[in-house]
Amino acid sequence: MQYLNYIIIALFIIFIIKRFLPIKGVTNISTAELNSILNDKNKQFVDVRTPGEFKGNHIKGFKNIPLHQLAQKAEKELSKDKEVVVICQSGMRSQKASSQLKNLGYKVTNVRGGMSAWH
């Protein structure tokens, strides 16, 4: 029975570590790097926060597609020919969104720190 406890603890630790590791095939950039690419016409910019968060404060040029709608809307609203740059409030939802988009075949860049790091 004690081995079962160790297995559960190990699985929990692995789960936590995987949540914070970068996603394979997804580029991560800082908000300073984001600032330098905002006018790049070969990129599409997506904010995965809720509409209320987006309305309160957003970066010009970003399209709001909330995380819970991303899988359904991606095919219609995003081009696979252009890289997708994803942001959220802290970087957690955008990391999840980046994983979803990568699995759908998009080239993805995640903004570390999200809007909280944007000045």
PDB file of N, CA and C in Angstrom:
ATOM      1  N   MET A   1       0.815  -1.194   0.000  1.00  0.00           N
ATOM      2  CA  MET A   1       0.000   0.000   0.000  1.00  0.00           C
ATOM      3  C   MET A   1       0.864   1.266   0.000  1.00  0.00           C
ATOM      4  N   GLN A   2       2.006   1.189   0.664  1.00  0.00           N
ATOM      5  CA  GLN A   2       2.889   2.349   0.731  1.00  0.00           C
ATOM      6  C   GLN A   2       3.449   2.677  -0.664  1.00  0.00           C
ATOM      7  N   TYR A   3       3.674   1.655  -1.490  1.00  0.00           N
ATOM      8  CA  TYR A   3       4.168   1.882  -2.850  1.00  0.00           C
ATOM      9  C   TYR A   3       3.156   2.676  -3.667  1.00  0.00           C
ATOM     10  N   LEU A   4       1.895   2.408  -3.421  1.00  0.00           N
ATOM     11  CA  LEU A   4       0.837   3.142  -4.126  1.00  0.00           C
ATOM     12  C   LEU A   4       0.918   4.636  -3.815  1.00  0.00           C
ATOM     13  N   ASN A   5       1.188   4.984  -2.572  1.00  0.00           N
ATOM     14  CA  ASN A   5       1.354   6.394  -2.203  1.00  0.00           C
ATOM     15  C   ASN A   5       2.509   7.024  -2.964  1.00  0.00           C
ATOM     16  N   TYR A   6       3.635   6.313  -3.063  1.00  0.00           N
ATOM     17  CA  TYR A   6       4.797   6.829  -3.794  1.00  0.00           C
ATOM     18  C   TYR A   6       4.485   7.022  -5.277  1.00  0.00           C
ATOM     19  N   ILE A   7       3.746   6.099  -5.845  1.00  0.00           N
ATOM     20  CA  ILE A   7       3.374   6.190  -7.259  1.00  0.00           C
ATOM     21  C   ILE A   7       2.471   7.410  -7.483  1.00  0.00           C
ATOM     22  N   ILE A   8       1.508   7.617  -6.608  1.00  0.00           N
ATOM     23  CA  ILE A   8       0.601   8.755  -6.734  1.00  0.00           C
ATOM     24  C   ILE A   8       1.372  10.063  -6.603  1.00  0.00           C
ATOM     25  N   ILE A   9       2.277  10.140  -5.640  1.00  0.00           N
ATOM     26  CA  ILE A   9       3.087  11.347  -5.457  1.00  0.00           C
ATOM     27  C   ILE A   9       3.961  11.597  -6.683  1.00  0.00           C
ATOM     28  N   ALA A  10       4.580  10.554  -7.223  1.00  0.00           N
ATOM     29  CA  ALA A  10       5.433  10.694  -8.412  1.00  0.00           C
ATOM     30  C   ALA A  10       4.629  11.172  -9.612  1.00  0.00           C
ATOM     31  N   LEU A  11       3.447  10.623  -9.811  1.00  0.00           N
ATOM     32  CA  LEU A  11       2.592  11.047 -10.928  1.00  0.00           C
ATOM     33  C   LEU A  11       2.176  12.503 -10.770  1.00  0.00           C
ATOM     34  N   PHE A  12       1.884  12.913  -9.557  1.00  0.00           N
ATOM     35  CA  PHE A  12       1.511  14.299  -9.289  1.00  0.00           C
ATOM     36  C   PHE A  12       2.678  15.238  -9.616  1.00  0.00           C
ATOM     37  N   ILE A  13       3.873  14.879  -9.213  1.00  0.00           N
ATOM     38  CA  ILE A  13       5.066  15.691  -9.489  1.00  0.00           C
ATOM     39  C   ILE A  13       5.312  15.784 -10.993  1.00  0.00           C
ATOM     40  N   ILE A  14       5.183  14.683 -11.691  1.00  0.00           N
ATOM     41  CA  ILE A  14       5.360  14.680 -13.151  1.00  0.00           C
ATOM     42  C   ILE A  14       4.324  15.588 -13.806  1.00  0.00           C
ATOM     43  N   PHE A  15       3.086  15.518 -13.349  1.00  0.00           N
ATOM     44  CA  PHE A  15       2.025  16.364 -13.883  1.00  0.00           C
ATOM     45  C   PHE A  15       2.358  17.845 -13.694  1.00  0.00           C
ATOM     46  N   ILE A  16       2.805  18.221 -12.512  1.00  0.00           N
ATOM     47  CA  ILE A  16       3.150  19.614 -12.218  1.00  0.00           C
ATOM     48  C   ILE A  16       4.317  20.073 -13.095  1.00  0.00           C
ATOM     49  N   ILE A  17       5.335  19.265 -13.228  1.00  0.00           N
ATOM     50  CA  ILE A  17       6.499  19.625 -14.045  1.00  0.00           C
ATOM     51  C   ILE A  17       6.088  19.816 -15.505  1.00  0.00           C
ATOM     52  N   LYS A  18       5.261  18.921 -16.019  1.00  0.00           N
ATOM     53  CA  LYS A  18       4.828  19.027 -17.425  1.00  0.00           C
ATOM     54  C   LYS A  18       4.029  20.293 -17.688  1.00  0.00           C
ATOM     55  N   ARG A  19       3.307  20.801 -16.689  1.00  0.00           N
ATOM     56  CA  ARG A  19       2.515  22.025 -16.854  1.00  0.00           C
ATOM     57  C   ARG A  19       3.401  23.239 -17.113  1.00  0.00           C
ATOM     58  N   PHE A  20       4.632  23.205 -16.587  1.00  0.00           N
ATOM     59  CA  PHE A  20       5.501  24.374 -16.685  1.00  0.00           C
ATOM     60  C   PHE A  20       6.612  24.235 -17.720  1.00  0.00           C
ATOM     61  N   LEU A  21       6.767  23.069 -18.303  1.00  0.00           N
ATOM     62  CA  LEU A  21       7.769  22.897 -19.350  1.00  0.00           C
ATOM     63  C   LEU A  21       7.252  23.493 -20.655  1.00  0.00           C
ATOM     64  N   PRO A  22       8.142  24.061 -21.467  1.00  0.00           N
ATOM     65  CA  PRO A  22       7.685  24.590 -22.757  1.00  0.00           C
ATOM     66  C   PRO A  22       7.181  23.458 -23.658  1.00  0.00           C
ATOM     67  N   ILE A  23       6.234  23.790 -24.503  1.00  0.00           N
ATOM     68  CA  ILE A  23       5.648  22.814 -25.412  1.00  0.00           C
ATOM     69  C   ILE A  23       6.592  22.623 -26.590  1.00  0.00           C
ATOM     70  N   LYS A  24       6.850  21.381 -26.938  1.00  0.00           N
ATOM     71  CA  LYS A  24       7.752  21.077 -28.045  1.00  0.00           C
ATOM     72  C   LYS A  24       7.172  21.628 -29.347  1.00  0.00           C
ATOM     73  N   GLY A  25       8.001  22.385 -30.079  1.00  0.00           N
ATOM     74  CA  GLY A  25       7.570  22.937 -31.354  1.00  0.00           C
ATOM     75  C   GLY A  25       6.907  24.300 -31.258  1.00  0.00           C
ATOM     76  N   VAL A  26       6.797  24.845 -30.041  1.00  0.00           N
ATOM     77  CA  VAL A  26       6.209  26.169 -29.841  1.00  0.00           C
ATOM     78  C   VAL A  26       7.310  27.122 -29.377  1.00  0.00           C
ATOM     79  N   THR A  27       7.447  28.244 -30.071  1.00  0.00           N
ATOM     80  CA  THR A  27       8.429  29.262 -29.701  1.00  0.00           C
ATOM     81  C   THR A  27       7.851  30.122 -28.583  1.00  0.00           C
ATOM     82  N   ASN A  28       8.673  30.475 -27.614  1.00  0.00           N
ATOM     83  CA  ASN A  28       8.260  31.376 -26.538  1.00  0.00           C
ATOM     84  C   ASN A  28       9.041  32.670 -26.672  1.00  0.00           C
ATOM     85  N   ILE A  29       8.326  33.795 -26.576  1.00  0.00           N
ATOM     86  CA  ILE A  29       8.979  35.102 -26.669  1.00  0.00           C
ATOM     87  C   ILE A  29       8.575  35.973 -25.486  1.00  0.00           C
ATOM     88  N   SER A  30       9.378  36.992 -25.226  1.00  0.00           N
ATOM     89  CA  SER A  30       9.062  37.955 -24.179  1.00  0.00           C
ATOM     90  C   SER A  30       8.163  39.042 -24.764  1.00  0.00           C
ATOM     91  N   THR A  31       7.637  39.898 -23.898  1.00  0.00           N
ATOM     92  CA  THR A  31       6.809  41.002 -24.384  1.00  0.00           C
ATOM     93  C   THR A  31       7.658  42.019 -25.151  1.00  0.00           C
ATOM     94  N   ALA A  32       8.940  42.130 -24.803  1.00  0.00           N
ATOM     95  CA  ALA A  32       9.841  43.026 -25.556  1.00  0.00           C
ATOM     96  C   ALA A  32      10.011  42.507 -26.986  1.00  0.00           C
ATOM     97  N   GLU A  33      10.160  41.188 -27.133  1.00  0.00           N
ATOM     98  CA  GLU A  33      10.265  40.600 -28.472  1.00  0.00           C
ATOM     99  C   GLU A  33       8.948  40.754 -29.227  1.00  0.00           C
ATOM    100  N   LEU A  34       7.833  40.636 -28.519  1.00  0.00           N
ATOM    101  CA  LEU A  34       6.520  40.838 -29.145  1.00  0.00           C
ATOM    102  C   LEU A  34       6.431  42.241 -29.724  1.00  0.00           C
ATOM    103  N   ASN A  35       6.874  43.225 -28.973  1.00  0.00           N
ATOM    104  CA  ASN A  35       6.816  44.616 -29.412  1.00  0.00           C
ATOM    105  C   ASN A  35       7.540  44.812 -30.752  1.00  0.00           C
ATOM    106  N   SER A  36       8.605  44.067 -30.963  1.00  0.00           N
ATOM    107  CA  SER A  36       9.385  44.219 -32.195  1.00  0.00           C
ATOM    108  C   SER A  36       8.749  43.526 -33.407  1.00  0.00           C
ATOM    109  N   ILE A  37       7.755  42.661 -33.195  1.00  0.00           N
ATOM    110  CA  ILE A  37       7.140  41.945 -34.326  1.00  0.00           C
ATOM    111  C   ILE A  37       5.681  42.339 -34.561  1.00  0.00           C
ATOM    112  N   LEU A  38       5.164  43.281 -33.789  1.00  0.00           N
ATOM    113  CA  LEU A  38       3.745  43.635 -33.888  1.00  0.00           C
ATOM    114  C   LEU A  38       3.295  44.090 -35.271  1.00  0.00           C
ATOM    115  N   ASN A  39       4.180  44.647 -36.062  1.00  0.00           N
ATOM    116  CA  ASN A  39       3.795  45.124 -37.399  1.00  0.00           C
ATOM    117  C   ASN A  39       4.084  44.116 -38.507  1.00  0.00           C
ATOM    118  N   ASP A  40       4.467  42.901 -38.141  1.00  0.00           N
ATOM    119  CA  ASP A  40       4.785  41.863 -39.123  1.00  0.00           C
ATOM    120  C   ASP A  40       3.495  41.326 -39.747  1.00  0.00           C
ATOM    121  N   LYS A  41       3.309  41.565 -41.024  1.00  0.00           N
ATOM    122  CA  LYS A  41       2.091  41.145 -41.733  1.00  0.00           C
ATOM    123  C   LYS A  41       2.049  39.631 -41.976  1.00  0.00           C
ATOM    124  N   ASN A  42       3.174  38.941 -41.734  1.00  0.00           N
ATOM    125  CA  ASN A  42       3.218  37.486 -41.916  1.00  0.00           C
ATOM    126  C   ASN A  42       2.850  36.739 -40.641  1.00  0.00           C
ATOM    127  N   LYS A  43       2.372  37.466 -39.648  1.00  0.00           N
ATOM    128  CA  LYS A  43       1.962  36.854 -38.391  1.00  0.00           C
ATOM    129  C   LYS A  43       0.524  37.256 -38.091  1.00  0.00           C
ATOM    130  N   GLN A  44      -0.179  36.388 -37.389  1.00  0.00           N
ATOM    131  CA  GLN A  44      -1.525  36.699 -36.925  1.00  0.00           C
ATOM    132  C   GLN A  44      -1.510  36.633 -35.395  1.00  0.00           C
ATOM    133  N   PHE A  45      -2.145  37.600 -34.775  1.00  0.00           N
ATOM    134  CA  PHE A  45      -2.064  37.776 -33.335  1.00  0.00           C
ATOM    135  C   PHE A  45      -3.399  37.444 -32.685  1.00  0.00           C
ATOM    136  N   VAL A  46      -3.359  36.544 -31.682  1.00  0.00           N
ATOM    137  CA  VAL A  46      -4.579  36.060 -31.032  1.00  0.00           C
ATOM    138  C   VAL A  46      -4.470  36.226 -29.520  1.00  0.00           C
ATOM    139  N   ASP A  47      -5.500  36.824 -28.935  1.00  0.00           N
ATOM    140  CA  ASP A  47      -5.621  36.980 -27.490  1.00  0.00           C
ATOM    141  C   ASP A  47      -6.694  35.991 -27.042  1.00  0.00           C
ATOM    142  N   VAL A  48      -6.331  35.045 -26.159  1.00  0.00           N
ATOM    143  CA  VAL A  48      -7.256  33.972 -25.781  1.00  0.00           C
ATOM    144  C   VAL A  48      -7.976  34.243 -24.458  1.00  0.00           C
ATOM    145  N   ARG A  49      -7.938  35.498 -23.993  1.00  0.00           N
ATOM    146  CA  ARG A  49      -8.669  35.843 -22.772  1.00  0.00           C
ATOM    147  C   ARG A  49     -10.163  35.963 -23.061  1.00  0.00           C
ATOM    148  N   THR A  50     -10.931  36.141 -22.021  1.00  0.00           N
ATOM    149  CA  THR A  50     -12.384  36.290 -22.189  1.00  0.00           C
ATOM    150  C   THR A  50     -12.682  37.628 -22.879  1.00  0.00           C
ATOM    151  N   PRO A  51     -13.853  37.762 -23.502  1.00  0.00           N
ATOM    152  CA  PRO A  51     -14.198  39.040 -24.130  1.00  0.00           C
ATOM    153  C   PRO A  51     -14.154  40.218 -23.152  1.00  0.00           C
ATOM    154  N   GLY A  52     -14.548  39.995 -21.901  1.00  0.00           N
ATOM    155  CA  GLY A  52     -14.519  41.063 -20.906  1.00  0.00           C
ATOM    156  C   GLY A  52     -13.093  41.522 -20.607  1.00  0.00           C
ATOM    157  N   GLU A  53     -12.171  40.565 -20.461  1.00  0.00           N
ATOM    158  CA  GLU A  53     -10.764  40.904 -20.231  1.00  0.00           C
ATOM    159  C   GLU A  53     -10.203  41.656 -21.439  1.00  0.00           C
ATOM    160  N   PHE A  54     -10.531  41.169 -22.637  1.00  0.00           N
ATOM    161  CA  PHE A  54     -10.039  41.777 -23.869  1.00  0.00           C
ATOM    162  C   PHE A  54     -10.547  43.210 -24.000  1.00  0.00           C
ATOM    163  N   LYS A  55     -11.839  43.414 -23.704  1.00  0.00           N
ATOM    164  CA  LYS A  55     -12.435  44.745 -23.816  1.00  0.00           C
ATOM    165  C   LYS A  55     -11.788  45.725 -22.834  1.00  0.00           C
ATOM    166  N   GLY A  56     -11.427  45.230 -21.659  1.00  0.00           N
ATOM    167  CA  GLY A  56     -10.818  46.077 -20.642  1.00  0.00           C
ATOM    168  C   GLY A  56      -9.431  46.579 -21.019  1.00  0.00           C
ATOM    169  N   ASN A  57      -8.662  45.755 -21.714  1.00  0.00           N
ATOM    170  CA  ASN A  57      -7.302  46.119 -22.097  1.00  0.00           C
ATOM    171  C   ASN A  57      -6.782  45.099 -23.105  1.00  0.00           C
ATOM    172  N   HIS A  58      -6.342  45.581 -24.245  1.00  0.00           N
ATOM    173  CA  HIS A  58      -5.748  44.668 -25.231  1.00  0.00           C
ATOM    174  C   HIS A  58      -4.724  45.406 -26.082  1.00  0.00           C
ATOM    175  N   ILE A  59      -3.946  44.629 -26.801  1.00  0.00           N
ATOM    176  CA  ILE A  59      -2.917  45.181 -27.679  1.00  0.00           C
ATOM    177  C   ILE A  59      -3.515  45.322 -29.066  1.00  0.00           C
ATOM    178  N   LYS A  60      -3.356  46.504 -29.663  1.00  0.00           N
ATOM    179  CA  LYS A  60      -3.873  46.764 -31.003  1.00  0.00           C
ATOM    180  C   LYS A  60      -3.309  45.728 -31.980  1.00  0.00           C
ATOM    181  N   GLY A  61      -4.182  45.173 -32.796  1.00  0.00           N
ATOM    182  CA  GLY A  61      -3.774  44.189 -33.791  1.00  0.00           C
ATOM    183  C   GLY A  61      -4.075  42.755 -33.378  1.00  0.00           C
ATOM    184  N   PHE A  62      -4.409  42.549 -32.103  1.00  0.00           N
ATOM    185  CA  PHE A  62      -4.753  41.206 -31.637  1.00  0.00           C
ATOM    186  C   PHE A  62      -6.237  40.942 -31.835  1.00  0.00           C
ATOM    187  N   LYS A  63      -6.555  39.720 -32.243  1.00  0.00           N
ATOM    188  CA  LYS A  63      -7.937  39.267 -32.414  1.00  0.00           C
ATOM    189  C   LYS A  63      -8.302  38.461 -31.168  1.00  0.00           C
ATOM    190  N   ASN A  64      -9.480  38.680 -30.630  1.00  0.00           N
ATOM    191  CA  ASN A  64      -9.926  37.950 -29.443  1.00  0.00           C
ATOM    192  C   ASN A  64     -10.643  36.670 -29.845  1.00  0.00           C
ATOM    193  N   ILE A  65     -10.021  35.538 -29.512  1.00  0.00           N
ATOM    194  CA  ILE A  65     -10.665  34.228 -29.651  1.00  0.00           C
ATOM    195  C   ILE A  65     -10.471  33.541 -28.297  1.00  0.00           C
ATOM    196  N   PRO A  66     -11.505  33.565 -27.434  1.00  0.00           N
ATOM    197  CA  PRO A  66     -11.374  32.964 -26.105  1.00  0.00           C
ATOM    198  C   PRO A  66     -10.929  31.502 -26.175  1.00  0.00           C
ATOM    199  N   LEU A  67     -10.131  31.095 -25.206  1.00  0.00           N
ATOM    200  CA  LEU A  67      -9.559  29.746 -25.200  1.00  0.00           C
ATOM    201  C   LEU A  67     -10.617  28.665 -25.399  1.00  0.00           C
ATOM    202  N   HIS A  68     -11.757  28.788 -24.720  1.00  0.00           N
ATOM    203  CA  HIS A  68     -12.782  27.744 -24.819  1.00  0.00           C
ATOM    204  C   HIS A  68     -13.426  27.666 -26.211  1.00  0.00           C
ATOM    205  N   GLN A  69     -13.212  28.669 -27.063  1.00  0.00           N
ATOM    206  CA  GLN A  69     -13.767  28.658 -28.422  1.00  0.00           C
ATOM    207  C   GLN A  69     -12.697  28.422 -29.483  1.00  0.00           C
ATOM    208  N   LEU A  70     -11.455  28.349 -29.072  1.00  0.00           N
ATOM    209  CA  LEU A  70     -10.337  28.309 -30.014  1.00  0.00           C
ATOM    210  C   LEU A  70     -10.399  27.123 -30.974  1.00  0.00           C
ATOM    211  N   ALA A  71     -10.645  25.941 -30.469  1.00  0.00           N
ATOM    212  CA  ALA A  71     -10.659  24.751 -31.326  1.00  0.00           C
ATOM    213  C   ALA A  71     -11.706  24.865 -32.436  1.00  0.00           C
ATOM    214  N   GLN A  72     -12.893  25.411 -32.113  1.00  0.00           N
ATOM    215  CA  GLN A  72     -13.957  25.536 -33.119  1.00  0.00           C
ATOM    216  C   GLN A  72     -13.675  26.664 -34.109  1.00  0.00           C
ATOM    217  N   LYS A  73     -13.111  27.775 -33.631  1.00  0.00           N
ATOM    218  CA  LYS A  73     -12.952  28.956 -34.475  1.00  0.00           C
ATOM    219  C   LYS A  73     -11.638  28.999 -35.262  1.00  0.00           C
ATOM    220  N   ALA A  74     -10.653  28.232 -34.856  1.00  0.00           N
ATOM    221  CA  ALA A  74      -9.325  28.319 -35.468  1.00  0.00           C
ATOM    222  C   ALA A  74      -9.366  28.076 -36.976  1.00  0.00           C
ATOM    223  N   GLU A  75     -10.037  27.033 -37.401  1.00  0.00           N
ATOM    224  CA  GLU A  75     -10.070  26.684 -38.828  1.00  0.00           C
ATOM    225  C   GLU A  75     -10.682  27.800 -39.675  1.00  0.00           C
ATOM    226  N   LYS A  76     -11.710  28.474 -39.151  1.00  0.00           N
ATOM    227  CA  LYS A  76     -12.393  29.522 -39.904  1.00  0.00           C
ATOM    228  C   LYS A  76     -11.667  30.868 -39.851  1.00  0.00           C
ATOM    229  N   GLU A  77     -11.049  31.174 -38.713  1.00  0.00           N
ATOM    230  CA  GLU A  77     -10.532  32.525 -38.507  1.00  0.00           C
ATOM    231  C   GLU A  77      -9.013  32.667 -38.615  1.00  0.00           C
ATOM    232  N   LEU A  78      -8.295  31.545 -38.664  1.00  0.00           N
ATOM    233  CA  LEU A  78      -6.833  31.620 -38.723  1.00  0.00           C
ATOM    234  C   LEU A  78      -6.296  30.886 -39.944  1.00  0.00           C
ATOM    235  N   SER A  79      -5.220  31.421 -40.490  1.00  0.00           N
ATOM    236  CA  SER A  79      -4.577  30.816 -41.656  1.00  0.00           C
ATOM    237  C   SER A  79      -3.391  29.969 -41.212  1.00  0.00           C
ATOM    238  N   LYS A  80      -3.265  28.792 -41.783  1.00  0.00           N
ATOM    239  CA  LYS A  80      -2.114  27.938 -41.467  1.00  0.00           C
ATOM    240  C   LYS A  80      -0.860  28.411 -42.205  1.00  0.00           C
ATOM    241  N   ASP A  81      -1.018  29.376 -43.113  1.00  0.00           N
ATOM    242  CA  ASP A  81       0.122  29.908 -43.859  1.00  0.00           C
ATOM    243  C   ASP A  81       0.899  30.952 -43.066  1.00  0.00           C
ATOM    244  N   LYS A  82       0.301  31.466 -42.008  1.00  0.00           N
ATOM    245  CA  LYS A  82       0.956  32.496 -41.197  1.00  0.00           C
ATOM    246  C   LYS A  82       1.132  31.994 -39.766  1.00  0.00           C
ATOM    247  N   GLU A  83       2.229  32.400 -39.160  1.00  0.00           N
ATOM    248  CA  GLU A  83       2.493  32.060 -37.769  1.00  0.00           C
ATOM    249  C   GLU A  83       1.447  32.723 -36.860  1.00  0.00           C
ATOM    250  N   VAL A  84       1.035  32.018 -35.807  1.00  0.00           N
ATOM    251  CA  VAL A  84       0.065  32.538 -34.845  1.00  0.00           C
ATOM    252  C   VAL A  84       0.807  32.912 -33.565  1.00  0.00           C
ATOM    253  N   VAL A  85       0.673  34.162 -33.135  1.00  0.00           N
ATOM    254  CA  VAL A  85       1.268  34.631 -31.885  1.00  0.00           C
ATOM    255  C   VAL A  85       0.132  34.716 -30.874  1.00  0.00           C
ATOM    256  N   VAL A  86       0.280  34.010 -29.737  1.00  0.00           N
ATOM    257  CA  VAL A  86      -0.800  33.871 -28.766  1.00  0.00           C
ATOM    258  C   VAL A  86      -0.429  34.541 -27.442  1.00  0.00           C
ATOM    259  N   ILE A  87      -1.410  35.284 -26.869  1.00  0.00           N
ATOM    260  CA  ILE A  87      -1.220  35.932 -25.574  1.00  0.00           C
ATOM    261  C   ILE A  87      -2.468  35.722 -24.724  1.00  0.00           C
ATOM    262  N   CYS A  88      -2.290  35.771 -23.397  1.00  0.00           N
ATOM    263  CA  CYS A  88      -3.415  35.762 -22.459  1.00  0.00           C
ATOM    264  C   CYS A  88      -3.062  36.722 -21.329  1.00  0.00           C
ATOM    265  N   GLN A  89      -3.567  36.496 -20.132  1.00  0.00           N
ATOM    266  CA  GLN A  89      -3.264  37.413 -19.033  1.00  0.00           C
ATOM    267  C   GLN A  89      -1.909  37.115 -18.399  1.00  0.00           C
ATOM    268  N   SER A  90      -1.623  35.833 -18.129  1.00  0.00           N
ATOM    269  CA  SER A  90      -0.389  35.485 -17.413  1.00  0.00           C
ATOM    270  C   SER A  90       0.534  34.547 -18.180  1.00  0.00           C
ATOM    271  N   GLY A  91       0.028  33.919 -19.230  1.00  0.00           N
ATOM    272  CA  GLY A  91       0.834  32.974 -19.993  1.00  0.00           C
ATOM    273  C   GLY A  91       0.367  31.536 -19.876  1.00  0.00           C
ATOM    274  N   MET A  92      -0.508  31.248 -18.941  1.00  0.00           N
ATOM    275  CA  MET A  92      -0.986  29.875 -18.751  1.00  0.00           C
ATOM    276  C   MET A  92      -2.001  29.469 -19.830  1.00  0.00           C
ATOM    277  N   ARG A  93      -3.009  30.289 -20.061  1.00  0.00           N
ATOM    278  CA  ARG A  93      -4.013  29.959 -21.086  1.00  0.00           C
ATOM    279  C   ARG A  93      -3.392  29.975 -22.476  1.00  0.00           C
ATOM    280  N   SER A  94      -2.461  30.915 -22.707  1.00  0.00           N
ATOM    281  CA  SER A  94      -1.839  30.968 -24.035  1.00  0.00           C
ATOM    282  C   SER A  94      -0.959  29.746 -24.268  1.00  0.00           C
ATOM    283  N   GLN A  95      -0.385  29.200 -23.203  1.00  0.00           N
ATOM    284  CA  GLN A  95       0.399  27.972 -23.351  1.00  0.00           C
ATOM    285  C   GLN A  95      -0.518  26.821 -23.740  1.00  0.00           C
ATOM    286  N   LYS A  96      -1.691  26.754 -23.118  1.00  0.00           N
ATOM    287  CA  LYS A  96      -2.685  25.729 -23.452  1.00  0.00           C
ATOM    288  C   LYS A  96      -3.165  25.922 -24.898  1.00  0.00           C
ATOM    289  N   ALA A  97      -3.426  27.182 -25.273  1.00  0.00           N
ATOM    290  CA  ALA A  97      -3.868  27.501 -26.632  1.00  0.00           C
ATOM    291  C   ALA A  97      -2.787  27.140 -27.646  1.00  0.00           C
ATOM    292  N   SER A  98      -1.536  27.409 -27.307  1.00  0.00           N
ATOM    293  CA  SER A  98      -0.420  27.093 -28.204  1.00  0.00           C
ATOM    294  C   SER A  98      -0.367  25.600 -28.482  1.00  0.00           C
ATOM    295  N   SER A  99      -0.578  24.814 -27.447  1.00  0.00           N
ATOM    296  CA  SER A  99      -0.593  23.357 -27.601  1.00  0.00           C
ATOM    297  C   SER A  99      -1.731  22.922 -28.527  1.00  0.00           C
ATOM    298  N   GLN A 100      -2.913  23.491 -28.323  1.00  0.00           N
ATOM    299  CA  GLN A 100      -4.067  23.154 -29.180  1.00  0.00           C
ATOM    300  C   GLN A 100      -3.780  23.505 -30.637  1.00  0.00           C
ATOM    301  N   LEU A 101      -3.272  24.717 -30.861  1.00  0.00           N
ATOM    302  CA  LEU A 101      -3.003  25.165 -32.232  1.00  0.00           C
ATOM    303  C   LEU A 101      -1.902  24.331 -32.874  1.00  0.00           C
ATOM    304  N   LYS A 102      -0.873  23.990 -32.116  1.00  0.00           N
ATOM    305  CA  LYS A 102       0.216  23.158 -32.639  1.00  0.00           C
ATOM    306  C   LYS A 102      -0.345  21.812 -33.100  1.00  0.00           C
ATOM    307  N   ASN A 103      -1.237  21.233 -32.291  1.00  0.00           N
ATOM    308  CA  ASN A 103      -1.850  19.950 -32.646  1.00  0.00           C
ATOM    309  C   ASN A 103      -2.759  20.055 -33.873  1.00  0.00           C
ATOM    310  N   LEU A 104      -3.258  21.265 -34.150  1.00  0.00           N
ATOM    311  CA  LEU A 104      -4.100  21.480 -35.335  1.00  0.00           C
ATOM    312  C   LEU A 104      -3.267  21.802 -36.585  1.00  0.00           C
ATOM    313  N   GLY A 105      -1.936  21.904 -36.407  1.00  0.00           N
ATOM    314  CA  GLY A 105      -1.058  22.114 -37.557  1.00  0.00           C
ATOM    315  C   GLY A 105      -0.598  23.546 -37.784  1.00  0.00           C
ATOM    316  N   TYR A 106      -0.765  24.413 -36.812  1.00  0.00           N
ATOM    317  CA  TYR A 106      -0.326  25.803 -36.947  1.00  0.00           C
ATOM    318  C   TYR A 106       1.100  25.968 -36.422  1.00  0.00           C
ATOM    319  N   LYS A 107       1.803  26.971 -36.959  1.00  0.00           N
ATOM    320  CA  LYS A 107       3.104  27.374 -36.422  1.00  0.00           C
ATOM    321  C   LYS A 107       2.781  28.404 -35.347  1.00  0.00           C
ATOM    322  N   VAL A 108       3.247  28.169 -34.116  1.00  0.00           N
ATOM    323  CA  VAL A 108       2.779  28.954 -32.974  1.00  0.00           C
ATOM    324  C   VAL A 108       3.923  29.572 -32.171  1.00  0.00           C
ATOM    325  N   THR A 109       3.674  30.803 -31.711  1.00  0.00           N
ATOM    326  CA  THR A 109       4.559  31.499 -30.776  1.00  0.00           C
ATOM    327  C   THR A 109       3.727  31.939 -29.580  1.00  0.00           C
ATOM    328  N   ASN A 110       4.220  31.637 -28.388  1.00  0.00           N
ATOM    329  CA  ASN A 110       3.544  31.991 -27.142  1.00  0.00           C
ATOM    330  C   ASN A 110       4.267  33.171 -26.494  1.00  0.00           C
ATOM    331  N   VAL A 111       3.500  34.139 -25.988  1.00  0.00           N
ATOM    332  CA  VAL A 111       4.083  35.294 -25.301  1.00  0.00           C
ATOM    333  C   VAL A 111       4.159  34.982 -23.803  1.00  0.00           C
ATOM    334  N   ARG A 112       5.393  34.838 -23.293  1.00  0.00           N
ATOM    335  CA  ARG A 112       5.615  34.552 -21.870  1.00  0.00           C
ATOM    336  C   ARG A 112       5.153  35.725 -21.010  1.00  0.00           C
ATOM    337  N   GLY A 113       4.459  35.426 -19.929  1.00  0.00           N
ATOM    338  CA  GLY A 113       4.043  36.470 -18.994  1.00  0.00           C
ATOM    339  C   GLY A 113       2.756  37.172 -19.376  1.00  0.00           C
ATOM    340  N   GLY A 114       2.347  37.066 -20.638  1.00  0.00           N
ATOM    341  CA  GLY A 114       1.090  37.624 -21.101  1.00  0.00           C
ATOM    342  C   GLY A 114       0.928  39.109 -20.879  1.00  0.00           C
ATOM    343  N   MET A 115      -0.315  39.532 -20.759  1.00  0.00           N
ATOM    344  CA  MET A 115      -0.640  40.947 -20.578  1.00  0.00           C
ATOM    345  C   MET A 115      -0.090  41.490 -19.266  1.00  0.00           C
ATOM    346  N   SER A 116       0.107  40.626 -18.283  1.00  0.00           N
ATOM    347  CA  SER A 116       0.675  41.063 -17.006  1.00  0.00           C
ATOM    348  C   SER A 116       2.095  41.584 -17.183  1.00  0.00           C
ATOM    349  N   ALA A 117       2.804  41.058 -18.171  1.00  0.00           N
ATOM    350  CA  ALA A 117       4.183  41.480 -18.429  1.00  0.00           C
ATOM    351  C   ALA A 117       4.270  42.612 -19.462  1.00  0.00           C
ATOM    352  N   TRP A 118       3.150  42.890 -20.141  1.00  0.00           N
ATOM    353  CA  TRP A 118       3.124  43.937 -21.163  1.00  0.00           C
ATOM    354  C   TRP A 118       3.140  45.305 -20.497  1.00  0.00           C
ATOM    355  N   HIS A 119       3.943  46.233 -21.017  1.00  0.00           N
ATOM    356  CA  HIS A 119       3.988  47.564 -20.401  1.00  0.00           C
ATOM    357  C   HIS A 119       3.398  48.585 -21.329  1.00  0.00           C
TER     358      HIS A 119
END
